[in-house]
PDB file of N, CA and C in Angstrom:
ATOM      1  N   MET A   1       6.055   0.710  -9.966  1.00  0.00           N
ATOM      2  CA  MET A   1       7.444   0.119  -9.958  1.00  0.00           C
ATOM      3  C   MET A   1       7.852  -0.799 -11.187  1.00  0.00           C
ATOM      4  N   LYS A   2       6.822  -1.770 -11.198  1.00  0.00           N
ATOM      5  CA  LYS A   2       6.823  -2.517 -12.300  1.00  0.00           C
ATOM      6  C   LYS A   2       6.888  -2.139 -13.825  1.00  0.00           C
ATOM      7  N   ALA A   3       6.183  -1.093 -13.998  1.00  0.00           N
ATOM      8  CA  ALA A   3       6.048  -0.231 -15.400  1.00  0.00           C
ATOM      9  C   ALA A   3       7.628   0.538 -15.709  1.00  0.00           C
ATOM     10  N   ASN A   4       8.002   1.290 -14.336  1.00  0.00           N
ATOM     11  CA  ASN A   4       9.233   2.006 -14.597  1.00  0.00           C
ATOM     12  C   ASN A   4      10.491   1.964 -14.031  1.00  0.00           C
ATOM     13  N   PHE A   5      10.727   0.537 -13.633  1.00  0.00           N
ATOM     14  CA  PHE A   5      11.707   0.313 -12.963  1.00  0.00           C
ATOM     15  C   PHE A   5      12.333  -1.233 -13.299  1.00  0.00           C
ATOM     16  N   ASN A   6      13.692  -1.559 -13.629  1.00  0.00           N
ATOM     17  CA  ASN A   6      13.991  -2.625 -14.014  1.00  0.00           C
ATOM     18  C   ASN A   6      15.234  -3.274 -13.181  1.00  0.00           C
ATOM     19  N   ILE A   7      14.813  -4.218 -12.347  1.00  0.00           N
ATOM     20  CA  ILE A   7      15.949  -4.432 -11.452  1.00  0.00           C
ATOM     21  C   ILE A   7      17.074  -5.324 -12.037  1.00  0.00           C
ATOM     22  N   GLN A   8      16.968  -5.723 -13.235  1.00  0.00           N
ATOM     23  CA  GLN A   8      18.044  -6.360 -13.773  1.00  0.00           C
ATOM     24  C   GLN A   8      18.957  -5.248 -14.185  1.00  0.00           C
ATOM     25  N   ASP A   9      18.746  -4.237 -14.973  1.00  0.00           N
ATOM     26  CA  ASP A   9      19.518  -3.006 -15.146  1.00  0.00           C
ATOM     27  C   ASP A   9      20.060  -2.865 -13.954  1.00  0.00           C
ATOM     28  N   PHE A  10      19.374  -2.542 -12.835  1.00  0.00           N
ATOM     29  CA  PHE A  10      20.076  -2.125 -11.550  1.00  0.00           C
ATOM     30  C   PHE A  10      21.006  -3.093 -10.939  1.00  0.00           C
ATOM     31  N   ILE A  11      20.840  -4.033 -11.057  1.00  0.00           N
ATOM     32  CA  ILE A  11      21.540  -5.366 -10.624  1.00  0.00           C
ATOM     33  C   ILE A  11      23.132  -5.272 -11.393  1.00  0.00           C
ATOM     34  N   SER A  12      22.939  -5.102 -12.884  1.00  0.00           N
ATOM     35  CA  SER A  12      23.942  -5.061 -13.614  1.00  0.00           C
ATOM     36  C   SER A  12      24.693  -3.856 -13.461  1.00  0.00           C
ATOM     37  N   ILE A  13      24.704  -2.790 -12.875  1.00  0.00           N
ATOM     38  CA  ILE A  13      25.433  -1.678 -12.388  1.00  0.00           C
ATOM     39  C   ILE A  13      26.111  -1.975 -11.161  1.00  0.00           C
ATOM     40  N   TYR A  14      25.452  -2.562 -10.182  1.00  0.00           N
ATOM     41  CA  TYR A  14      26.151  -3.122  -9.102  1.00  0.00           C
ATOM     42  C   TYR A  14      26.679  -4.454  -8.865  1.00  0.00           C
ATOM     43  N   LYS A  15      26.715  -5.311  -9.979  1.00  0.00           N
ATOM     44  CA  LYS A  15      27.093  -6.661  -9.979  1.00  0.00           C
ATOM     45  C   LYS A  15      28.475  -6.898  -9.325  1.00  0.00           C
ATOM     46  N   ASP A  16      29.500  -6.221  -9.327  1.00  0.00           N
ATOM     47  CA  ASP A  16      30.969  -6.382  -8.685  1.00  0.00           C
ATOM     48  C   ASP A  16      30.914  -6.275  -7.444  1.00  0.00           C
ATOM     49  N   LYS A  17      29.809  -5.623  -6.790  1.00  0.00           N
ATOM     50  CA  LYS A  17      29.560  -5.194  -5.261  1.00  0.00           C
ATOM     51  C   LYS A  17      29.428  -6.520  -4.411  1.00  0.00           C
ATOM     52  N   ASN A  18      28.949  -7.680  -4.990  1.00  0.00           N
ATOM     53  CA  ASN A  18      28.675  -8.889  -4.143  1.00  0.00           C
ATOM     54  C   ASN A  18      27.475  -8.575  -3.390  1.00  0.00           C
ATOM     55  N   TYR A  19      26.282  -7.697  -3.579  1.00  0.00           N
ATOM     56  CA  TYR A  19      25.329  -7.689  -2.566  1.00  0.00           C
ATOM     57  C   TYR A  19      24.263  -9.081  -2.692  1.00  0.00           C
ATOM     58  N   ASP A  20      23.651  -9.581  -1.502  1.00  0.00           N
ATOM     59  CA  ASP A  20      22.953 -10.416  -1.691  1.00  0.00           C
ATOM     60  C   ASP A  20      21.423 -10.223  -1.843  1.00  0.00           C
ATOM     61  N   THR A  21      21.109  -8.941  -1.325  1.00  0.00           N
ATOM     62  CA  THR A  21      19.702  -8.368  -1.167  1.00  0.00           C
ATOM     63  C   THR A  21      19.799  -6.969  -1.790  1.00  0.00           C
ATOM     64  N   TYR A  22      18.864  -6.472  -2.416  1.00  0.00           N
ATOM     65  CA  TYR A  22      18.719  -4.948  -2.343  1.00  0.00           C
ATOM     66  C   TYR A  22      17.455  -4.577  -1.858  1.00  0.00           C
ATOM     67  N   MET A  23      17.606  -3.533  -1.355  1.00  0.00           N
ATOM     68  CA  MET A  23      16.394  -2.473  -0.581  1.00  0.00           C
ATOM     69  C   MET A  23      16.339  -1.319  -1.436  1.00  0.00           C
ATOM     70  N   ILE A  24      15.150  -1.145  -2.150  1.00  0.00           N
ATOM     71  CA  ILE A  24      14.979   0.051  -2.856  1.00  0.00           C
ATOM     72  C   ILE A  24      13.761   0.830  -2.471  1.00  0.00           C
ATOM     73  N   THR A  25      13.763   2.026  -2.219  1.00  0.00           N
ATOM     74  CA  THR A  25      12.720   3.151  -1.760  1.00  0.00           C
ATOM     75  C   THR A  25      12.444   3.904  -2.894  1.00  0.00           C
ATOM     76  N   PHE A  26      11.093   3.824  -3.360  1.00  0.00           N
ATOM     77  CA  PHE A  26      10.469   4.983  -4.025  1.00  0.00           C
ATOM     78  C   PHE A  26       9.708   5.678  -3.598  1.00  0.00           C
ATOM     79  N   LYS A  27      10.039   7.143  -3.517  1.00  0.00           N
ATOM     80  CA  LYS A  27       9.136   7.946  -2.374  1.00  0.00           C
ATOM     81  C   LYS A  27       8.440   9.135  -3.287  1.00  0.00           C
ATOM     82  N   SER A  28       7.299   9.335  -2.998  1.00  0.00           N
ATOM     83  CA  SER A  28       6.585  10.628  -3.479  1.00  0.00           C
ATOM     84  C   SER A  28       6.104  11.580  -2.322  1.00  0.00           C
ATOM     85  N   SER A  29       5.530  12.694  -2.890  1.00  0.00           N
ATOM     86  CA  SER A  29       5.265  13.577  -1.807  1.00  0.00           C
ATOM     87  C   SER A  29       3.863  12.852  -0.880  1.00  0.00           C
ATOM     88  N   ARG A  30       3.295  11.736  -1.212  1.00  0.00           N
ATOM     89  CA  ARG A  30       2.276  11.149  -0.540  1.00  0.00           C
ATOM     90  C   ARG A  30       2.786   9.874  -0.016  1.00  0.00           C
ATOM     91  N   GLY A  31       3.788   9.346  -0.031  1.00  0.00           N
ATOM     92  CA  GLY A  31       4.109   8.110   0.546  1.00  0.00           C
ATOM     93  C   GLY A  31       5.350   7.684   0.090  1.00  0.00           C
ATOM     94  N   GLN A  32       5.377   6.271   0.408  1.00  0.00           N
ATOM     95  CA  GLN A  32       6.558   5.425  -0.275  1.00  0.00           C
ATOM     96  C   GLN A  32       6.419   4.111  -0.581  1.00  0.00           C
ATOM     97  N   LEU A  33       7.003   3.465  -1.437  1.00  0.00           N
ATOM     98  CA  LEU A  33       7.070   2.112  -1.677  1.00  0.00           C
ATOM     99  C   LEU A  33       8.652   1.340  -1.460  1.00  0.00           C
ATOM    100  N   ASP A  34       8.536   0.443  -0.333  1.00  0.00           N
ATOM    101  CA  ASP A  34       9.918   0.167  -0.104  1.00  0.00           C
ATOM    102  C   ASP A  34       9.918  -1.384  -0.525  1.00  0.00           C
ATOM    103  N   VAL A  35      10.857  -1.927  -1.267  1.00  0.00           N
ATOM    104  CA  VAL A  35      10.975  -3.070  -2.156  1.00  0.00           C
ATOM    105  C   VAL A  35      12.308  -3.836  -1.694  1.00  0.00           C
ATOM    106  N   ASP A  36      12.074  -5.083  -1.124  1.00  0.00           N
ATOM    107  CA  ASP A  36      13.413  -5.732  -0.985  1.00  0.00           C
ATOM    108  C   ASP A  36      13.465  -7.011  -2.353  1.00  0.00           C
ATOM    109  N   PHE A  37      14.633  -6.930  -3.056  1.00  0.00           N
ATOM    110  CA  PHE A  37      15.059  -7.984  -3.647  1.00  0.00           C
ATOM    111  C   PHE A  37      15.797  -9.052  -3.527  1.00  0.00           C
ATOM    112  N   ASP A  38      15.620 -10.396  -3.571  1.00  0.00           N
ATOM    113  CA  ASP A  38      16.416 -11.147  -3.542  1.00  0.00           C
ATOM    114  C   ASP A  38      17.832 -11.155  -4.664  1.00  0.00           C
ATOM    115  N   PHE A  39      19.130 -11.554  -4.541  1.00  0.00           N
ATOM    116  CA  PHE A  39      19.876 -11.233  -5.524  1.00  0.00           C
ATOM    117  C   PHE A  39      19.834 -12.706  -6.245  1.00  0.00           C
ATOM    118  N   ASP A  40      19.468 -12.775  -7.140  1.00  0.00           N
ATOM    119  CA  ASP A  40      19.560 -13.956  -8.141  1.00  0.00           C
ATOM    120  C   ASP A  40      19.418 -13.576  -9.507  1.00  0.00           C
ATOM    121  N   LYS A  41      19.370 -14.553 -10.434  1.00  0.00           N
ATOM    122  CA  LYS A  41      19.725 -14.545 -11.770  1.00  0.00           C
ATOM    123  C   LYS A  41      18.193 -13.587 -12.368  1.00  0.00           C
ATOM    124  N   HIS A  42      17.296 -13.712 -11.576  1.00  0.00           N
ATOM    125  CA  HIS A  42      15.994 -13.318 -12.028  1.00  0.00           C
ATOM    126  C   HIS A  42      15.517 -11.989 -11.083  1.00  0.00           C
ATOM    127  N   GLY A  43      16.598 -11.586 -10.151  1.00  0.00           N
ATOM    128  CA  GLY A  43      16.314 -10.349  -9.480  1.00  0.00           C
ATOM    129  C   GLY A  43      14.911 -10.596  -8.766  1.00  0.00           C
ATOM    130  N   LYS A  44      14.547 -11.982  -8.132  1.00  0.00           N
ATOM    131  CA  LYS A  44      13.000 -12.087  -7.863  1.00  0.00           C
ATOM    132  C   LYS A  44      12.759 -11.542  -6.682  1.00  0.00           C
ATOM    133  N   LEU A  45      11.555 -10.667  -6.531  1.00  0.00           N
ATOM    134  CA  LEU A  45      10.997  -9.916  -5.657  1.00  0.00           C
ATOM    135  C   LEU A  45      10.572 -10.587  -4.210  1.00  0.00           C
ATOM    136  N   LYS A  46      11.232 -10.269  -3.344  1.00  0.00           N
ATOM    137  CA  LYS A  46      11.183 -10.664  -1.923  1.00  0.00           C
ATOM    138  C   LYS A  46       9.900 -10.309  -0.989  1.00  0.00           C
ATOM    139  N   LYS A  47       9.983  -9.112  -0.901  1.00  0.00           N
ATOM    140  CA  LYS A  47       8.940  -8.352  -0.133  1.00  0.00           C
ATOM    141  C   LYS A  47       8.788  -7.016  -0.428  1.00  0.00           C
ATOM    142  N   SER A  48       7.603  -6.126  -0.184  1.00  0.00           N
ATOM    143  CA  SER A  48       7.431  -5.174  -0.383  1.00  0.00           C
ATOM    144  C   SER A  48       6.589  -4.396   0.529  1.00  0.00           C
ATOM    145  N   ARG A  49       6.611  -3.050   0.791  1.00  0.00           N
ATOM    146  CA  ARG A  49       5.781  -2.550   1.825  1.00  0.00           C
ATOM    147  C   ARG A  49       5.284  -1.050   1.087  1.00  0.00           C
ATOM    148  N   GLN A  50       4.171  -0.566   1.195  1.00  0.00           N
ATOM    149  CA  GLN A  50       3.375   0.442   0.522  1.00  0.00           C
ATOM    150  C   GLN A  50       2.732   1.299   1.681  1.00  0.00           C
ATOM    151  N   TYR A  51       3.243   2.524   1.591  1.00  0.00           N
ATOM    152  CA  TYR A  51       2.153   3.419   2.594  1.00  0.00           C
ATOM    153  C   TYR A  51       2.197   4.644   1.934  1.00  0.00           C
ATOM    154  N   PHE A  52       0.917   4.958   1.469  1.00  0.00           N
ATOM    155  CA  PHE A  52       0.521   6.457   0.812  1.00  0.00           C
ATOM    156  C   PHE A  52      -0.523   7.044   1.654  1.00  0.00           C
ATOM    157  N   TYR A  53      -0.507   8.474   1.423  1.00  0.00           N
ATOM    158  CA  TYR A  53      -1.682   9.546   1.996  1.00  0.00           C
ATOM    159  C   TYR A  53      -2.429   9.904   0.981  1.00  0.00           C
ATOM    160  N   ASP A  54      -3.828  10.101   1.242  1.00  0.00           N
ATOM    161  CA  ASP A  54      -4.692  10.397   0.387  1.00  0.00           C
ATOM    162  C   ASP A  54      -4.741   9.956  -0.893  1.00  0.00           C
ATOM    163  N   VAL A  55      -4.773   8.774  -0.970  1.00  0.00           N
ATOM    164  CA  VAL A  55      -4.931   7.879  -2.140  1.00  0.00           C
ATOM    165  C   VAL A  55      -6.645   8.002  -2.773  1.00  0.00           C
ATOM    166  N   ARG A  56      -6.809   7.617  -4.013  1.00  0.00           N
ATOM    167  CA  ARG A  56      -8.085   7.550  -4.611  1.00  0.00           C
ATOM    168  C   ARG A  56      -8.660   6.128  -4.173  1.00  0.00           C
ATOM    169  N   LEU A  57      -9.631   5.947  -3.190  1.00  0.00           N
ATOM    170  CA  LEU A  57     -10.175   4.812  -2.835  1.00  0.00           C
ATOM    171  C   LEU A  57     -10.910   3.972  -3.746  1.00  0.00           C
ATOM    172  N   PRO A  58     -10.542   2.593  -3.716  1.00  0.00           N
ATOM    173  CA  PRO A  58     -11.483   1.859  -4.567  1.00  0.00           C
ATOM    174  C   PRO A  58     -12.956   1.918  -4.443  1.00  0.00           C
ATOM    175  N   GLY A  59     -13.598   1.609  -5.457  1.00  0.00           N
ATOM    176  CA  GLY A  59     -15.173   1.659  -5.330  1.00  0.00           C
ATOM    177  C   GLY A  59     -15.697   1.038  -4.329  1.00  0.00           C
ATOM    178  N   GLU A  60     -15.342  -0.121  -4.056  1.00  0.00           N
ATOM    179  CA  GLU A  60     -15.809  -0.996  -3.055  1.00  0.00           C
ATOM    180  C   GLU A  60     -15.636  -0.177  -1.519  1.00  0.00           C
ATOM    181  N   ILE A  61     -14.602   0.445  -1.431  1.00  0.00           N
ATOM    182  CA  ILE A  61     -14.338   1.050  -0.098  1.00  0.00           C
ATOM    183  C   ILE A  61     -15.178   2.220  -0.086  1.00  0.00           C
ATOM    184  N   ILE A  62     -15.427   3.251  -1.120  1.00  0.00           N
ATOM    185  CA  ILE A  62     -16.162   4.036  -1.127  1.00  0.00           C
ATOM    186  C   ILE A  62     -17.796   3.860  -0.710  1.00  0.00           C
ATOM    187  N   LYS A  63     -17.968   2.791  -1.359  1.00  0.00           N
ATOM    188  CA  LYS A  63     -19.449   2.062  -1.256  1.00  0.00           C
ATOM    189  C   LYS A  63     -19.722   1.566   0.132  1.00  0.00           C
ATOM    190  N   THR A  64     -18.759   0.974   0.988  1.00  0.00           N
ATOM    191  CA  THR A  64     -18.785   0.690   2.270  1.00  0.00           C
ATOM    192  C   THR A  64     -19.080   1.954   3.347  1.00  0.00           C
ATOM    193  N   LEU A  65     -18.109   2.859   2.885  1.00  0.00           N
ATOM    194  CA  LEU A  65     -18.081   4.182   3.609  1.00  0.00           C
ATOM    195  C   LEU A  65     -19.345   4.848   3.614  1.00  0.00           C
ATOM    196  N   LYS A  66     -19.931   4.887   2.391  1.00  0.00           N
ATOM    197  CA  LYS A  66     -21.231   5.783   2.250  1.00  0.00           C
ATOM    198  C   LYS A  66     -22.307   5.071   2.805  1.00  0.00           C
ATOM    199  N   LYS A  67     -22.473   3.689   2.831  1.00  0.00           N
ATOM    200  CA  LYS A  67     -23.473   2.780   3.629  1.00  0.00           C
ATOM    201  C   LYS A  67     -23.228   2.915   4.795  1.00  0.00           C
ATOM    202  N   ASP A  68     -22.173   2.775   5.460  1.00  0.00           N
ATOM    203  CA  ASP A  68     -22.083   2.681   6.906  1.00  0.00           C
ATOM    204  C   ASP A  68     -21.606   4.136   7.448  1.00  0.00           C
ATOM    205  N   HIS A  69     -21.512   5.133   6.802  1.00  0.00           N
ATOM    206  CA  HIS A  69     -21.543   6.650   7.426  1.00  0.00           C
ATOM    207  C   HIS A  69     -21.795   7.472   6.414  1.00  0.00           C
ATOM    208  N   SER A  70     -23.126   7.399   6.086  1.00  0.00           N
ATOM    209  CA  SER A  70     -23.961   8.133   5.311  1.00  0.00           C
ATOM    210  C   SER A  70     -24.089   9.792   5.836  1.00  0.00           C
ATOM    211  N   GLY A  71     -23.711  10.732   5.167  1.00  0.00           N
ATOM    212  CA  GLY A  71     -23.579  12.046   5.492  1.00  0.00           C
ATOM    213  C   GLY A  71     -22.307  12.631   6.195  1.00  0.00           C
ATOM    214  N   TRP A  72     -21.317  11.570   6.286  1.00  0.00           N
ATOM    215  CA  TRP A  72     -19.994  11.902   6.867  1.00  0.00           C
ATOM    216  C   TRP A  72     -19.172  12.430   5.780  1.00  0.00           C
ATOM    217  N   THR A  73     -18.202  13.231   5.833  1.00  0.00           N
ATOM    218  CA  THR A  73     -17.281  13.422   4.739  1.00  0.00           C
ATOM    219  C   THR A  73     -15.811  13.147   5.165  1.00  0.00           C
ATOM    220  N   MET A  74     -15.051  12.794   4.004  1.00  0.00           N
ATOM    221  CA  MET A  74     -13.780  12.085   4.113  1.00  0.00           C
ATOM    222  C   MET A  74     -12.686  13.492   4.430  1.00  0.00           C
ATOM    223  N   LEU A  75     -11.884  13.535   5.380  1.00  0.00           N
ATOM    224  CA  LEU A  75     -10.904  14.397   5.615  1.00  0.00           C
ATOM    225  C   LEU A  75      -9.790  13.987   4.927  1.00  0.00           C
ATOM    226  N   LYS A  76      -9.242  12.774   5.339  1.00  0.00           N
ATOM    227  CA  LYS A  76      -8.082  12.141   4.761  1.00  0.00           C
ATOM    228  C   LYS A  76      -8.111  10.701   4.940  1.00  0.00           C
ATOM    229  N   ASN A  77      -7.192  10.071   4.291  1.00  0.00           N
ATOM    230  CA  ASN A  77      -6.997   8.579   4.437  1.00  0.00           C
ATOM    231  C   ASN A  77      -5.466   8.163   4.213  1.00  0.00           C
ATOM    232  N   LYS A  78      -5.278   7.162   4.474  1.00  0.00           N
ATOM    233  CA  LYS A  78      -3.875   6.413   4.297  1.00  0.00           C
ATOM    234  C   LYS A  78      -4.082   4.835   3.891  1.00  0.00           C
ATOM    235  N   TYR A  79      -3.447   4.729   3.066  1.00  0.00           N
ATOM    236  CA  TYR A  79      -3.100   3.034   2.539  1.00  0.00           C
ATOM    237  C   TYR A  79      -1.886   2.503   2.983  1.00  0.00           C
ATOM    238  N   PHE A  80      -2.019   1.075   3.236  1.00  0.00           N
ATOM    239  CA  PHE A  80      -1.054   0.458   3.788  1.00  0.00           C
ATOM    240  C   PHE A  80      -0.966  -1.029   3.098  1.00  0.00           C
ATOM    241  N   SER A  81      -0.033  -1.557   2.875  1.00  0.00           N
ATOM    242  CA  SER A  81       0.021  -2.969   2.177  1.00  0.00           C
ATOM    243  C   SER A  81       1.360  -3.278   2.297  1.00  0.00           C
ATOM    244  N   ARG A  82       1.244  -4.860   2.596  1.00  0.00           N
ATOM    245  CA  ARG A  82       2.533  -5.376   2.582  1.00  0.00           C
ATOM    246  C   ARG A  82       2.590  -6.886   1.967  1.00  0.00           C
ATOM    247  N   GLU A  83       3.489  -7.051   0.839  1.00  0.00           N
ATOM    248  CA  GLU A  83       3.615  -8.278   0.132  1.00  0.00           C
ATOM    249  C   GLU A  83       4.808  -8.903   0.480  1.00  0.00           C
ATOM    250  N   LYS A  84       4.523 -10.315   0.106  1.00  0.00           N
ATOM    251  CA  LYS A  84       5.854 -11.293   0.331  1.00  0.00           C
ATOM    252  C   LYS A  84       5.690 -12.353  -0.620  1.00  0.00           C
ATOM    253  N   GLY A  85       6.807 -12.552  -1.296  1.00  0.00           N
ATOM    254  CA  GLY A  85       6.852 -13.285  -2.477  1.00  0.00           C
ATOM    255  C   GLY A  85       5.809 -13.337  -3.541  1.00  0.00           C
ATOM    256  N   GLY A  86       5.356 -11.963  -3.764  1.00  0.00           N
ATOM    257  CA  GLY A  86       4.462 -11.687  -4.587  1.00  0.00           C
ATOM    258  C   GLY A  86       2.776 -11.735  -3.868  1.00  0.00           C
ATOM    259  N   LEU A  87       2.758 -12.394  -2.678  1.00  0.00           N
ATOM    260  CA  LEU A  87       1.379 -12.404  -2.424  1.00  0.00           C
ATOM    261  C   LEU A  87       1.081 -11.360  -1.469  1.00  0.00           C
ATOM    262  N   THR A  88      -0.095 -10.704  -1.046  1.00  0.00           N
ATOM    263  CA  THR A  88      -0.286  -9.865  -0.131  1.00  0.00           C
ATOM    264  C   THR A  88      -0.480 -10.231   1.161  1.00  0.00           C
ATOM    265  N   GLU A  89       0.142  -9.865   2.037  1.00  0.00           N
ATOM    266  CA  GLU A  89       0.031 -10.511   3.486  1.00  0.00           C
ATOM    267  C   GLU A  89      -0.915  -9.591   4.308  1.00  0.00           C
ATOM    268  N   LYS A  90      -0.891  -8.396   4.019  1.00  0.00           N
ATOM    269  CA  LYS A  90      -1.851  -7.224   4.882  1.00  0.00           C
ATOM    270  C   LYS A  90      -1.789  -6.186   4.118  1.00  0.00           C
ATOM    271  N   LEU A  91      -3.417  -5.723   4.027  1.00  0.00           N
ATOM    272  CA  LEU A  91      -3.593  -4.513   3.259  1.00  0.00           C
ATOM    273  C   LEU A  91      -4.934  -3.859   3.969  1.00  0.00           C
ATOM    274  N   HIS A  92      -4.574  -2.545   4.192  1.00  0.00           N
ATOM    275  CA  HIS A  92      -5.965  -1.645   4.986  1.00  0.00           C
ATOM    276  C   HIS A  92      -5.958  -0.338   4.616  1.00  0.00           C
ATOM    277  N   TYR A  93      -7.005   0.548   4.765  1.00  0.00           N
ATOM    278  CA  TYR A  93      -7.194   1.778   4.464  1.00  0.00           C
ATOM    279  C   TYR A  93      -7.511   2.345   5.998  1.00  0.00           C
ATOM    280  N   LYS A  94      -6.890   3.427   6.307  1.00  0.00           N
ATOM    281  CA  LYS A  94      -7.582   4.328   7.638  1.00  0.00           C
ATOM    282  C   LYS A  94      -7.930   5.560   7.048  1.00  0.00           C
ATOM    283  N   VAL A  95      -9.189   5.822   7.286  1.00  0.00           N
ATOM    284  CA  VAL A  95      -9.976   7.092   6.831  1.00  0.00           C
ATOM    285  C   VAL A  95     -10.243   8.049   7.987  1.00  0.00           C
ATOM    286  N   LYS A  96     -10.343   9.291   7.997  1.00  0.00           N
ATOM    287  CA  LYS A  96     -10.577  10.096   8.857  1.00  0.00           C
ATOM    288  C   LYS A  96     -11.861  10.746   8.433  1.00  0.00           C
ATOM    289  N   LEU A  97     -12.987  10.730   9.084  1.00  0.00           N
ATOM    290  CA  LEU A  97     -14.450  11.280   8.489  1.00  0.00           C
ATOM    291  C   LEU A  97     -14.836  12.422   9.427  1.00  0.00           C
ATOM    292  N   THR A  98     -15.633  13.214   8.876  1.00  0.00           N
ATOM    293  CA  THR A  98     -16.122  14.432   9.780  1.00  0.00           C
ATOM    294  C   THR A  98     -17.612  14.579   9.309  1.00  0.00           C
ATOM    295  N   ASP A  99     -18.398  14.809  10.468  1.00  0.00           N
ATOM    296  CA  ASP A  99     -19.738  15.451  10.339  1.00  0.00           C
ATOM    297  C   ASP A  99     -19.971  16.589  11.379  1.00  0.00           C
ATOM    298  N   GLY A 100     -20.034  17.714  10.641  1.00  0.00           N
ATOM    299  CA  GLY A 100     -20.045  18.901  11.634  1.00  0.00           C
ATOM    300  C   GLY A 100     -18.690  18.983  12.475  1.00  0.00           C
ATOM    301  N   ASN A 101     -18.852  19.092  13.885  1.00  0.00           N
ATOM    302  CA  ASN A 101     -17.809  18.935  14.309  1.00  0.00           C
ATOM    303  C   ASN A 101     -17.613  17.656  15.302  1.00  0.00           C
ATOM    304  N   LYS A 102     -18.013  16.696  14.689  1.00  0.00           N
ATOM    305  CA  LYS A 102     -17.782  15.167  15.040  1.00  0.00           C
ATOM    306  C   LYS A 102     -16.669  14.788  13.967  1.00  0.00           C
ATOM    307  N   VAL A 103     -15.592  13.885  14.857  1.00  0.00           N
ATOM    308  CA  VAL A 103     -14.904  13.302  13.802  1.00  0.00           C
ATOM    309  C   VAL A 103     -14.524  11.730  14.251  1.00  0.00           C
ATOM    310  N   ARG A 104     -14.504  10.833  13.208  1.00  0.00           N
ATOM    311  CA  ARG A 104     -14.511   9.656  13.378  1.00  0.00           C
ATOM    312  C   ARG A 104     -13.406   9.031  12.540  1.00  0.00           C
ATOM    313  N   ARG A 105     -12.738   8.077  13.054  1.00  0.00           N
ATOM    314  CA  ARG A 105     -11.628   7.120  12.249  1.00  0.00           C
ATOM    315  C   ARG A 105     -12.075   5.717  12.385  1.00  0.00           C
ATOM    316  N   VAL A 106     -12.027   5.473  10.860  1.00  0.00           N
ATOM    317  CA  VAL A 106     -12.566   4.101  10.512  1.00  0.00           C
ATOM    318  C   VAL A 106     -11.085   3.453   9.825  1.00  0.00           C
ATOM    319  N   LYS A 107     -11.023   1.907  10.038  1.00  0.00           N
ATOM    320  CA  LYS A 107      -9.958   1.147   9.406  1.00  0.00           C
ATOM    321  C   LYS A 107     -10.748   0.016   8.346  1.00  0.00           C
ATOM    322  N   LEU A 108     -10.402   0.156   7.241  1.00  0.00           N
ATOM    323  CA  LEU A 108     -11.261  -0.912   6.170  1.00  0.00           C
ATOM    324  C   LEU A 108     -10.113  -1.897   5.797  1.00  0.00           C
ATOM    325  N   GLU A 109     -10.336  -3.252   5.842  1.00  0.00           N
ATOM    326  CA  GLU A 109      -9.476  -4.166   5.442  1.00  0.00           C
ATOM    327  C   GLU A 109     -10.144  -5.103   4.410  1.00  0.00           C
ATOM    328  N   PRO A 110     -10.015  -4.995   3.216  1.00  0.00           N
ATOM    329  CA  PRO A 110     -10.560  -5.824   2.295  1.00  0.00           C
ATOM    330  C   PRO A 110      -9.846  -7.138   2.374  1.00  0.00           C
ATOM    331  N   ASN A 111     -10.587  -8.141   1.912  1.00  0.00           N
ATOM    332  CA  ASN A 111     -10.013  -9.506   1.995  1.00  0.00           C
ATOM    333  C   ASN A 111      -9.829  -9.997   0.386  1.00  0.00           C
ATOM    334  N   LEU A 112      -9.257 -11.260   0.263  1.00  0.00           N
ATOM    335  CA  LEU A 112      -8.946 -11.760  -1.091  1.00  0.00           C
ATOM    336  C   LEU A 112     -10.362 -12.136  -1.584  1.00  0.00           C
ATOM    337  N   SER A 113     -11.613 -12.272  -0.832  1.00  0.00           N
ATOM    338  CA  SER A 113     -12.747 -12.666  -1.728  1.00  0.00           C
ATOM    339  C   SER A 113     -13.496 -11.294  -1.727  1.00  0.00           C
ATOM    340  N   GLY A 114     -13.100  -9.958  -1.601  1.00  0.00           N
ATOM    341  CA  GLY A 114     -13.593  -9.001  -1.797  1.00  0.00           C
ATOM    342  C   GLY A 114     -14.454  -8.360  -0.579  1.00  0.00           C
ATOM    343  N   GLU A 115     -14.851  -9.200   0.363  1.00  0.00           N
ATOM    344  CA  GLU A 115     -15.295  -8.424   1.430  1.00  0.00           C
ATOM    345  C   GLU A 115     -14.467  -7.514   2.312  1.00  0.00           C
ATOM    346  N   ILE A 116     -15.110  -6.406   2.826  1.00  0.00           N
ATOM    347  CA  ILE A 116     -14.386  -5.253   3.306  1.00  0.00           C
ATOM    348  C   ILE A 116     -14.907  -5.347   4.829  1.00  0.00           C
ATOM    349  N   SER A 117     -13.999  -5.603   5.805  1.00  0.00           N
ATOM    350  CA  SER A 117     -14.133  -5.454   7.380  1.00  0.00           C
ATOM    351  C   SER A 117     -13.998  -3.961   7.741  1.00  0.00           C
ATOM    352  N   LEU A 118     -14.859  -3.574   8.166  1.00  0.00           N
ATOM    353  CA  LEU A 118     -14.751  -2.134   8.938  1.00  0.00           C
ATOM    354  C   LEU A 118     -14.800  -2.105  10.451  1.00  0.00           C
ATOM    355  N   VAL A 119     -13.473  -1.421  10.791  1.00  0.00           N
ATOM    356  CA  VAL A 119     -13.196  -1.459  12.342  1.00  0.00           C
ATOM    357  C   VAL A 119     -13.118   0.062  12.973  1.00  0.00           C
ATOM    358  N   GLN A 120     -14.033   0.448  13.660  1.00  0.00           N
ATOM    359  CA  GLN A 120     -14.039   1.732  14.144  1.00  0.00           C
ATOM    360  C   GLN A 120     -12.540   1.929  15.101  1.00  0.00           C
ATOM    361  N   ASN A 121     -12.380   2.914  15.203  1.00  0.00           N
ATOM    362  CA  ASN A 121     -11.125   3.428  15.938  1.00  0.00           C
ATOM    363  C   ASN A 121     -11.637   4.404  17.378  1.00  0.00           C
TER     364      ASN A 121
END
């Protein structure tokens, strides 16, 4: 979004509509990004929410999965994050694993210090 969308250009198109806030949704076949902008001179980012399927997992997430689920294969994953005022409030990955005919779902929550909490579902 930051590389391909300019909120100031968008606001200038709709400036005579007197909107206070803009809700913009970017969609792809693998999910979406919802962004709320406060209407001010700077088009300040108020909050955003991202939800994507089958994303490329970060190295630390993969390392945690391999350590705790050796021999299991990832079937699919989901990524979710929520930001407010430019700060991440929530971030997690949900991963569905298989080992033969056994299925396991895990939730991984990275924190600001880089540690990853693993929650079995």
